[in-house]
Amino acid sequence: MQLQKYAKKAFCVIGKAGSSLDGEGFVQRLWEAANAHFGEVQPLAKQDENGNLAGIWGIMTDFSRQFMPWEENFSKGLYLAGVECDECAQAPEGWEKWCVPGFEYLCAACDEKNVFAAVIQYMKENDIALVGAVQDYTCPQTDKNYMLFPIRRL
């Protein structure tokens, strides 16, 4: 497993929101809803200089919406399945917009099983604090998935 440091300033995501209290499989259901209705938010999606989507995000936060780690051993919290957007974009009805504070992250590619547990163990062994909720990122150009572990607020 390779880890890289990655800094990202505050950014916004429009997506379909839910809670771990919605039951097993809720994250998958959010992605299905977001993908099925993507056309509703596609015009709001942030793009890079080549016209590609800037990012597809699974945003996590605690119930206080302070972007702290999920509670009860990372099992309870809120999730937003969506696409990066400009901060001035307004979410259409049935969608939510969350603005994530800037963080420096440890970034791990999701190439192997148990990436989350492996990075948490690495952080414990190296006395690195998790200072916020872990985020899922998919690069639209490569379809490669990453987990971003916040280690410092910007």
N, C-alpha and C. Protein backbone atom coordinates (compact mmCIF):
# COMPACT_ATOMS: atom_id res chain seq x y z
N MET A 1 0.84 -1.18 0.00
CA MET A 1 0.00 0.00 0.00
C MET A 1 0.89 1.24 0.00
N GLN A 2 0.65 2.12 -0.94
CA GLN A 2 1.37 3.38 -1.01
C GLN A 2 0.48 4.50 -0.52
N LEU A 3 1.06 5.38 0.28
CA LEU A 3 0.34 6.56 0.76
C LEU A 3 1.05 7.80 0.25
N GLN A 4 0.27 8.77 -0.16
CA GLN A 4 0.82 10.05 -0.59
C GLN A 4 0.09 11.15 0.17
N LYS A 5 0.83 12.21 0.49
CA LYS A 5 0.17 13.36 1.08
C LYS A 5 -0.45 14.18 -0.04
N TYR A 6 -1.62 14.72 0.26
CA TYR A 6 -2.38 15.47 -0.74
C TYR A 6 -3.14 16.57 -0.01
N ALA A 7 -2.94 17.81 -0.42
CA ALA A 7 -3.65 18.94 0.18
C ALA A 7 -4.76 19.38 -0.77
N LYS A 8 -5.93 19.60 -0.19
CA LYS A 8 -7.07 20.09 -0.99
C LYS A 8 -7.76 21.19 -0.20
N LYS A 9 -7.88 22.34 -0.85
CA LYS A 9 -8.60 23.45 -0.23
C LYS A 9 -10.07 23.08 -0.12
N ALA A 10 -10.82 23.88 0.62
CA ALA A 10 -12.25 23.65 0.78
C ALA A 10 -12.91 23.48 -0.59
N PHE A 11 -13.89 22.59 -0.66
CA PHE A 11 -14.59 22.34 -1.92
C PHE A 11 -16.02 21.93 -1.62
N CYS A 12 -16.87 21.95 -2.64
CA CYS A 12 -18.29 21.63 -2.48
C CYS A 12 -18.68 20.45 -3.38
N VAL A 13 -19.66 19.71 -2.90
CA VAL A 13 -20.17 18.54 -3.62
C VAL A 13 -21.70 18.59 -3.56
N ILE A 14 -22.33 18.35 -4.69
CA ILE A 14 -23.79 18.17 -4.75
C ILE A 14 -24.05 16.69 -4.95
N GLY A 15 -24.94 16.15 -4.10
CA GLY A 15 -25.20 14.72 -4.21
C GLY A 15 -26.46 14.31 -3.48
N LYS A 16 -26.61 13.01 -3.38
CA LYS A 16 -27.71 12.38 -2.65
C LYS A 16 -27.19 12.01 -1.27
N ALA A 17 -27.91 12.46 -0.23
CA ALA A 17 -27.46 12.29 1.15
C ALA A 17 -28.26 11.23 1.88
N GLY A 18 -27.58 10.57 2.80
CA GLY A 18 -28.24 9.59 3.64
C GLY A 18 -27.44 9.36 4.91
N SER A 19 -27.93 8.42 5.70
CA SER A 19 -27.37 8.16 7.02
C SER A 19 -27.20 6.67 7.23
N SER A 20 -26.21 6.32 8.05
CA SER A 20 -26.04 4.92 8.43
C SER A 20 -27.29 4.38 9.12
N LEU A 21 -28.11 5.29 9.68
CA LEU A 21 -29.36 4.88 10.32
C LEU A 21 -30.39 4.41 9.29
N ASP A 22 -30.12 4.65 8.00
CA ASP A 22 -31.02 4.21 6.93
C ASP A 22 -30.91 2.71 6.64
N GLY A 23 -29.98 2.04 7.31
CA GLY A 23 -29.86 0.59 7.18
C GLY A 23 -28.75 0.14 6.25
N GLU A 24 -28.53 -1.15 6.29
CA GLU A 24 -27.48 -1.77 5.49
C GLU A 24 -27.68 -1.47 4.00
N GLY A 25 -26.59 -1.19 3.31
CA GLY A 25 -26.66 -0.93 1.88
C GLY A 25 -27.05 0.50 1.52
N PHE A 26 -27.13 1.39 2.51
CA PHE A 26 -27.60 2.75 2.21
C PHE A 26 -26.65 3.49 1.28
N VAL A 27 -25.34 3.26 1.39
CA VAL A 27 -24.39 3.96 0.52
C VAL A 27 -24.62 3.54 -0.93
N GLN A 28 -24.77 2.26 -1.16
CA GLN A 28 -25.02 1.78 -2.53
C GLN A 28 -26.31 2.36 -3.09
N ARG A 29 -27.34 2.46 -2.25
CA ARG A 29 -28.61 3.03 -2.71
C ARG A 29 -28.44 4.51 -3.07
N LEU A 30 -27.62 5.23 -2.30
CA LEU A 30 -27.37 6.64 -2.61
C LEU A 30 -26.68 6.77 -3.97
N TRP A 31 -25.68 5.92 -4.22
CA TRP A 31 -24.97 5.98 -5.50
C TRP A 31 -25.91 5.63 -6.66
N GLU A 32 -26.77 4.66 -6.45
CA GLU A 32 -27.72 4.30 -7.50
C GLU A 32 -28.64 5.47 -7.82
N ALA A 33 -29.12 6.16 -6.78
CA ALA A 33 -30.00 7.32 -6.99
C ALA A 33 -29.25 8.46 -7.67
N ALA A 34 -28.02 8.72 -7.22
CA ALA A 34 -27.23 9.81 -7.81
C ALA A 34 -26.93 9.52 -9.28
N ASN A 35 -26.54 8.30 -9.59
CA ASN A 35 -26.22 7.95 -10.97
C ASN A 35 -27.46 7.98 -11.86
N ALA A 36 -28.59 7.52 -11.33
CA ALA A 36 -29.82 7.47 -12.12
C ALA A 36 -30.33 8.86 -12.49
N HIS A 37 -30.00 9.85 -11.66
CA HIS A 37 -30.51 11.21 -11.88
C HIS A 37 -29.38 12.21 -12.11
N PHE A 38 -28.23 11.73 -12.55
CA PHE A 38 -27.07 12.60 -12.72
C PHE A 38 -27.34 13.77 -13.65
N GLY A 39 -28.18 13.58 -14.64
CA GLY A 39 -28.51 14.65 -15.57
C GLY A 39 -29.04 15.91 -14.90
N GLU A 40 -29.64 15.75 -13.72
CA GLU A 40 -30.18 16.90 -12.99
C GLU A 40 -29.08 17.81 -12.45
N VAL A 41 -27.90 17.24 -12.21
CA VAL A 41 -26.80 18.04 -11.62
C VAL A 41 -25.60 18.18 -12.56
N GLN A 42 -25.62 17.47 -13.67
CA GLN A 42 -24.48 17.53 -14.59
C GLN A 42 -24.11 18.96 -14.98
N PRO A 43 -25.07 19.85 -15.25
CA PRO A 43 -24.69 21.22 -15.61
C PRO A 43 -24.00 21.98 -14.46
N LEU A 44 -24.16 21.50 -13.23
CA LEU A 44 -23.56 22.16 -12.07
C LEU A 44 -22.19 21.60 -11.72
N ALA A 45 -21.81 20.49 -12.36
CA ALA A 45 -20.56 19.82 -12.03
C ALA A 45 -19.36 20.67 -12.44
N LYS A 46 -18.40 20.73 -11.53
CA LYS A 46 -17.16 21.44 -11.80
C LYS A 46 -16.34 20.65 -12.82
N GLN A 47 -15.70 21.37 -13.73
CA GLN A 47 -14.90 20.71 -14.77
C GLN A 47 -13.48 21.24 -14.76
N ASP A 48 -12.55 20.41 -15.24
CA ASP A 48 -11.17 20.86 -15.37
C ASP A 48 -11.02 21.61 -16.71
N GLU A 49 -9.81 22.02 -17.02
CA GLU A 49 -9.58 22.83 -18.22
C GLU A 49 -9.88 22.08 -19.52
N ASN A 50 -9.98 20.74 -19.45
CA ASN A 50 -10.29 19.94 -20.64
C ASN A 50 -11.76 19.54 -20.73
N GLY A 51 -12.58 20.06 -19.81
CA GLY A 51 -14.00 19.74 -19.82
C GLY A 51 -14.37 18.46 -19.11
N ASN A 52 -13.41 17.84 -18.42
CA ASN A 52 -13.68 16.62 -17.66
C ASN A 52 -14.23 16.98 -16.28
N LEU A 53 -15.04 16.10 -15.71
CA LEU A 53 -15.51 16.30 -14.35
C LEU A 53 -14.31 16.44 -13.42
N ALA A 54 -14.42 17.35 -12.45
CA ALA A 54 -13.33 17.56 -11.50
C ALA A 54 -13.21 16.42 -10.50
N GLY A 55 -14.33 15.83 -10.13
CA GLY A 55 -14.24 14.74 -9.17
C GLY A 55 -15.59 14.18 -8.79
N ILE A 56 -15.59 12.90 -8.50
CA ILE A 56 -16.76 12.20 -7.99
C ILE A 56 -16.42 11.82 -6.56
N TRP A 57 -17.30 12.20 -5.63
CA TRP A 57 -16.97 12.10 -4.21
C TRP A 57 -18.03 11.35 -3.43
N GLY A 58 -17.56 10.56 -2.48
CA GLY A 58 -18.37 10.02 -1.41
C GLY A 58 -17.93 10.75 -0.16
N ILE A 59 -18.72 11.73 0.25
CA ILE A 59 -18.34 12.59 1.37
C ILE A 59 -18.95 12.03 2.65
N MET A 60 -18.12 11.94 3.67
CA MET A 60 -18.58 11.45 4.97
C MET A 60 -18.43 12.55 6.01
N THR A 61 -19.33 12.52 6.98
CA THR A 61 -19.26 13.41 8.13
C THR A 61 -19.98 12.75 9.30
N ASP A 62 -19.66 13.24 10.48
CA ASP A 62 -20.37 12.79 11.67
C ASP A 62 -21.76 13.42 11.70
N PHE A 63 -22.57 13.05 12.66
CA PHE A 63 -23.94 13.56 12.72
C PHE A 63 -24.01 15.06 13.02
N SER A 64 -22.95 15.64 13.57
CA SER A 64 -22.95 17.09 13.82
C SER A 64 -22.65 17.89 12.56
N ARG A 65 -22.30 17.19 11.49
CA ARG A 65 -21.95 17.81 10.20
C ARG A 65 -20.72 18.71 10.31
N GLN A 66 -19.80 18.33 11.20
CA GLN A 66 -18.55 19.07 11.38
C GLN A 66 -17.39 18.40 10.64
N PHE A 67 -17.69 17.39 9.83
CA PHE A 67 -16.71 16.64 9.05
C PHE A 67 -15.68 15.95 9.95
N MET A 68 -16.17 15.50 11.10
CA MET A 68 -15.37 14.67 11.99
C MET A 68 -15.61 13.21 11.60
N PRO A 69 -14.74 12.29 12.07
CA PRO A 69 -14.91 10.87 11.71
C PRO A 69 -16.25 10.32 12.17
N TRP A 70 -16.68 9.30 11.44
CA TRP A 70 -17.90 8.60 11.84
C TRP A 70 -17.72 8.07 13.26
N GLU A 71 -18.84 7.94 13.96
CA GLU A 71 -18.84 7.52 15.36
C GLU A 71 -18.91 6.00 15.49
N GLU A 72 -18.78 5.53 16.73
CA GLU A 72 -18.88 4.11 17.07
C GLU A 72 -18.04 3.24 16.15
N ASN A 73 -16.72 3.46 16.25
CA ASN A 73 -15.75 2.68 15.46
C ASN A 73 -16.00 2.81 13.96
N PHE A 74 -16.27 4.04 13.52
CA PHE A 74 -16.46 4.37 12.11
C PHE A 74 -17.68 3.68 11.49
N SER A 75 -18.72 3.45 12.29
CA SER A 75 -19.89 2.73 11.76
C SER A 75 -21.14 3.61 11.65
N LYS A 76 -21.12 4.82 12.23
CA LYS A 76 -22.33 5.64 12.22
C LYS A 76 -22.00 7.07 11.79
N GLY A 77 -22.73 7.53 10.76
CA GLY A 77 -22.52 8.88 10.28
C GLY A 77 -23.37 9.16 9.05
N LEU A 78 -23.03 10.27 8.40
CA LEU A 78 -23.75 10.73 7.21
C LEU A 78 -22.86 10.56 5.98
N TYR A 79 -23.51 10.40 4.82
CA TYR A 79 -22.78 10.16 3.57
C TYR A 79 -23.48 10.93 2.45
N LEU A 80 -22.68 11.50 1.57
CA LEU A 80 -23.19 12.21 0.39
C LEU A 80 -22.50 11.64 -0.85
N ALA A 81 -23.28 11.08 -1.76
CA ALA A 81 -22.78 10.51 -3.01
C ALA A 81 -22.98 11.54 -4.11
N GLY A 82 -21.88 12.11 -4.64
CA GLY A 82 -22.09 13.16 -5.62
C GLY A 82 -20.88 13.59 -6.40
N VAL A 83 -21.01 14.79 -6.94
CA VAL A 83 -20.03 15.33 -7.87
C VAL A 83 -19.57 16.70 -7.37
N GLU A 84 -18.29 16.99 -7.57
CA GLU A 84 -17.75 18.29 -7.15
C GLU A 84 -18.41 19.40 -7.97
N CYS A 85 -18.70 20.51 -7.30
CA CYS A 85 -19.35 21.64 -7.95
C CYS A 85 -18.72 22.94 -7.47
N ASP A 86 -19.06 24.04 -8.14
CA ASP A 86 -18.61 25.35 -7.69
C ASP A 86 -19.34 25.72 -6.42
N GLU A 87 -18.70 26.55 -5.60
CA GLU A 87 -19.32 26.92 -4.32
C GLU A 87 -20.60 27.73 -4.50
N CYS A 88 -20.79 28.38 -5.64
CA CYS A 88 -22.00 29.17 -5.86
C CYS A 88 -23.16 28.33 -6.42
N ALA A 89 -22.91 27.06 -6.75
CA ALA A 89 -23.97 26.20 -7.30
C ALA A 89 -25.03 25.94 -6.24
N GLN A 90 -26.27 25.85 -6.68
CA GLN A 90 -27.37 25.55 -5.77
C GLN A 90 -27.92 24.16 -6.10
N ALA A 91 -28.08 23.37 -5.07
CA ALA A 91 -28.57 22.00 -5.25
C ALA A 91 -30.03 22.00 -5.69
N PRO A 92 -30.35 21.23 -6.72
CA PRO A 92 -31.76 21.09 -7.12
C PRO A 92 -32.56 20.37 -6.03
N GLU A 93 -33.86 20.43 -6.13
CA GLU A 93 -34.72 19.73 -5.17
C GLU A 93 -34.37 18.25 -5.15
N GLY A 94 -34.27 17.69 -3.96
CA GLY A 94 -33.95 16.28 -3.80
C GLY A 94 -32.46 16.01 -3.70
N TRP A 95 -31.65 17.03 -3.84
CA TRP A 95 -30.20 16.93 -3.74
C TRP A 95 -29.73 17.81 -2.59
N GLU A 96 -28.53 17.55 -2.10
CA GLU A 96 -27.93 18.40 -1.06
C GLU A 96 -26.55 18.85 -1.52
N LYS A 97 -26.14 20.00 -1.00
CA LYS A 97 -24.78 20.50 -1.26
C LYS A 97 -24.06 20.59 0.07
N TRP A 98 -22.90 19.96 0.13
CA TRP A 98 -22.05 20.02 1.31
C TRP A 98 -20.75 20.70 0.91
N CYS A 99 -20.25 21.57 1.76
CA CYS A 99 -18.95 22.22 1.55
C CYS A 99 -17.97 21.67 2.57
N VAL A 100 -16.95 21.00 2.06
CA VAL A 100 -15.95 20.31 2.88
C VAL A 100 -14.80 21.27 3.17
N PRO A 101 -14.38 21.39 4.43
CA PRO A 101 -13.24 22.26 4.72
C PRO A 101 -11.96 21.72 4.09
N GLY A 102 -10.98 22.59 3.97
CA GLY A 102 -9.69 22.17 3.42
C GLY A 102 -8.91 21.31 4.42
N PHE A 103 -8.27 20.29 3.89
CA PHE A 103 -7.45 19.38 4.71
C PHE A 103 -6.20 18.98 3.94
N GLU A 104 -5.20 18.56 4.69
CA GLU A 104 -4.11 17.77 4.13
C GLU A 104 -4.48 16.33 4.42
N TYR A 105 -4.38 15.49 3.42
CA TYR A 105 -4.80 14.10 3.53
C TYR A 105 -3.64 13.14 3.31
N LEU A 106 -3.78 11.94 3.86
CA LEU A 106 -3.03 10.79 3.40
C LEU A 106 -3.95 10.12 2.38
N CYS A 107 -3.46 9.94 1.19
CA CYS A 107 -4.27 9.41 0.09
C CYS A 107 -3.82 7.99 -0.22
N ALA A 108 -4.78 7.07 -0.24
CA ALA A 108 -4.49 5.66 -0.53
C ALA A 108 -5.37 5.19 -1.68
N ALA A 109 -4.74 4.61 -2.69
CA ALA A 109 -5.50 4.01 -3.79
C ALA A 109 -6.20 2.76 -3.26
N CYS A 110 -7.41 2.53 -3.72
CA CYS A 110 -8.19 1.37 -3.28
C CYS A 110 -7.90 0.18 -4.19
N ASP A 111 -6.63 -0.23 -4.20
CA ASP A 111 -6.20 -1.33 -5.05
C ASP A 111 -6.32 -2.70 -4.37
N GLU A 112 -6.43 -2.69 -3.06
CA GLU A 112 -6.48 -3.94 -2.31
C GLU A 112 -7.62 -3.89 -1.31
N LYS A 113 -7.94 -5.05 -0.74
CA LYS A 113 -9.00 -5.11 0.26
C LYS A 113 -8.52 -4.47 1.56
N ASN A 114 -9.48 -4.02 2.35
CA ASN A 114 -9.21 -3.51 3.69
C ASN A 114 -8.29 -2.30 3.72
N VAL A 115 -8.36 -1.44 2.71
CA VAL A 115 -7.53 -0.23 2.66
C VAL A 115 -7.80 0.64 3.89
N PHE A 116 -9.07 0.80 4.23
CA PHE A 116 -9.42 1.65 5.37
C PHE A 116 -8.71 1.16 6.64
N ALA A 117 -8.87 -0.11 6.96
CA ALA A 117 -8.27 -0.66 8.18
C ALA A 117 -6.75 -0.58 8.13
N ALA A 118 -6.16 -0.83 6.97
CA ALA A 118 -4.70 -0.78 6.84
C ALA A 118 -4.16 0.62 7.08
N VAL A 119 -4.83 1.63 6.55
CA VAL A 119 -4.36 3.01 6.74
C VAL A 119 -4.57 3.45 8.19
N ILE A 120 -5.69 3.11 8.79
CA ILE A 120 -5.92 3.44 10.20
C ILE A 120 -4.83 2.80 11.06
N GLN A 121 -4.48 1.56 10.78
CA GLN A 121 -3.41 0.88 11.53
C GLN A 121 -2.07 1.58 11.32
N TYR A 122 -1.76 1.96 10.09
CA TYR A 122 -0.52 2.69 9.79
C TYR A 122 -0.48 4.00 10.57
N MET A 123 -1.59 4.70 10.60
CA MET A 123 -1.64 5.97 11.31
C MET A 123 -1.41 5.77 12.80
N LYS A 124 -2.01 4.73 13.39
CA LYS A 124 -1.78 4.43 14.82
C LYS A 124 -0.31 4.12 15.07
N GLU A 125 0.27 3.27 14.23
CA GLU A 125 1.67 2.87 14.41
C GLU A 125 2.64 4.03 14.26
N ASN A 126 2.25 5.04 13.48
CA ASN A 126 3.13 6.18 13.23
C ASN A 126 2.67 7.44 13.96
N ASP A 127 1.78 7.28 14.92
CA ASP A 127 1.30 8.38 15.75
C ASP A 127 0.80 9.57 14.92
N ILE A 128 -0.01 9.24 13.90
CA ILE A 128 -0.63 10.26 13.05
C ILE A 128 -2.11 10.32 13.39
N ALA A 129 -2.58 11.49 13.76
CA ALA A 129 -3.98 11.65 14.16
C ALA A 129 -4.89 11.80 12.95
N LEU A 130 -6.05 11.17 13.03
CA LEU A 130 -7.12 11.38 12.06
C LEU A 130 -7.93 12.57 12.56
N VAL A 131 -7.91 13.68 11.81
CA VAL A 131 -8.51 14.93 12.30
C VAL A 131 -9.86 15.24 11.64
N GLY A 132 -10.36 14.34 10.82
CA GLY A 132 -11.64 14.56 10.16
C GLY A 132 -12.15 13.26 9.55
N ALA A 133 -13.29 13.36 8.91
CA ALA A 133 -13.90 12.19 8.27
C ALA A 133 -13.13 11.79 7.02
N VAL A 134 -13.01 10.50 6.81
CA VAL A 134 -12.36 9.96 5.62
C VAL A 134 -13.29 10.19 4.43
N GLN A 135 -12.73 10.53 3.28
CA GLN A 135 -13.51 10.81 2.07
C GLN A 135 -13.15 9.81 0.98
N ASP A 136 -14.15 9.46 0.17
CA ASP A 136 -13.94 8.60 -1.01
C ASP A 136 -13.88 9.50 -2.23
N TYR A 137 -12.91 9.24 -3.09
CA TYR A 137 -12.75 10.03 -4.32
C TYR A 137 -12.56 9.08 -5.49
N THR A 138 -13.27 9.36 -6.57
CA THR A 138 -13.07 8.63 -7.82
C THR A 138 -12.60 9.62 -8.86
N CYS A 139 -11.48 9.34 -9.49
CA CYS A 139 -10.96 10.19 -10.56
C CYS A 139 -11.77 9.90 -11.83
N PRO A 140 -12.47 10.89 -12.36
CA PRO A 140 -13.32 10.66 -13.53
C PRO A 140 -12.53 10.24 -14.78
N GLN A 141 -11.27 10.65 -14.89
CA GLN A 141 -10.49 10.32 -16.08
C GLN A 141 -10.01 8.87 -16.08
N THR A 142 -9.75 8.31 -14.88
CA THR A 142 -9.19 6.97 -14.79
C THR A 142 -10.13 5.94 -14.16
N ASP A 143 -11.21 6.42 -13.53
CA ASP A 143 -12.13 5.58 -12.76
C ASP A 143 -11.44 4.91 -11.57
N LYS A 144 -10.28 5.42 -11.17
CA LYS A 144 -9.56 4.87 -10.04
C LYS A 144 -10.13 5.45 -8.74
N ASN A 145 -10.29 4.59 -7.72
CA ASN A 145 -10.86 4.99 -6.45
C ASN A 145 -9.76 5.20 -5.40
N TYR A 146 -9.98 6.21 -4.56
CA TYR A 146 -9.04 6.56 -3.50
C TYR A 146 -9.80 6.81 -2.21
N MET A 147 -9.11 6.63 -1.11
CA MET A 147 -9.61 7.06 0.19
C MET A 147 -8.66 8.13 0.70
N LEU A 148 -9.25 9.22 1.21
CA LEU A 148 -8.47 10.34 1.70
C LEU A 148 -8.69 10.48 3.21
N PHE A 149 -7.60 10.38 3.96
CA PHE A 149 -7.61 10.41 5.41
C PHE A 149 -7.07 11.76 5.89
N PRO A 150 -7.91 12.62 6.45
CA PRO A 150 -7.45 13.96 6.84
C PRO A 150 -6.50 13.92 8.05
N ILE A 151 -5.34 14.57 7.88
CA ILE A 151 -4.35 14.59 8.95
C ILE A 151 -4.07 16.01 9.46
N ARG A 152 -4.57 17.01 8.75
CA ARG A 152 -4.37 18.39 9.19
C ARG A 152 -5.37 19.29 8.47
N ARG A 153 -6.00 20.20 9.23
CA ARG A 153 -6.88 21.19 8.60
C ARG A 153 -6.04 22.27 7.96
N LEU A 154 -6.48 22.75 6.81
CA LEU A 154 -5.77 23.85 6.14
C LEU A 154 -6.31 25.19 6.60
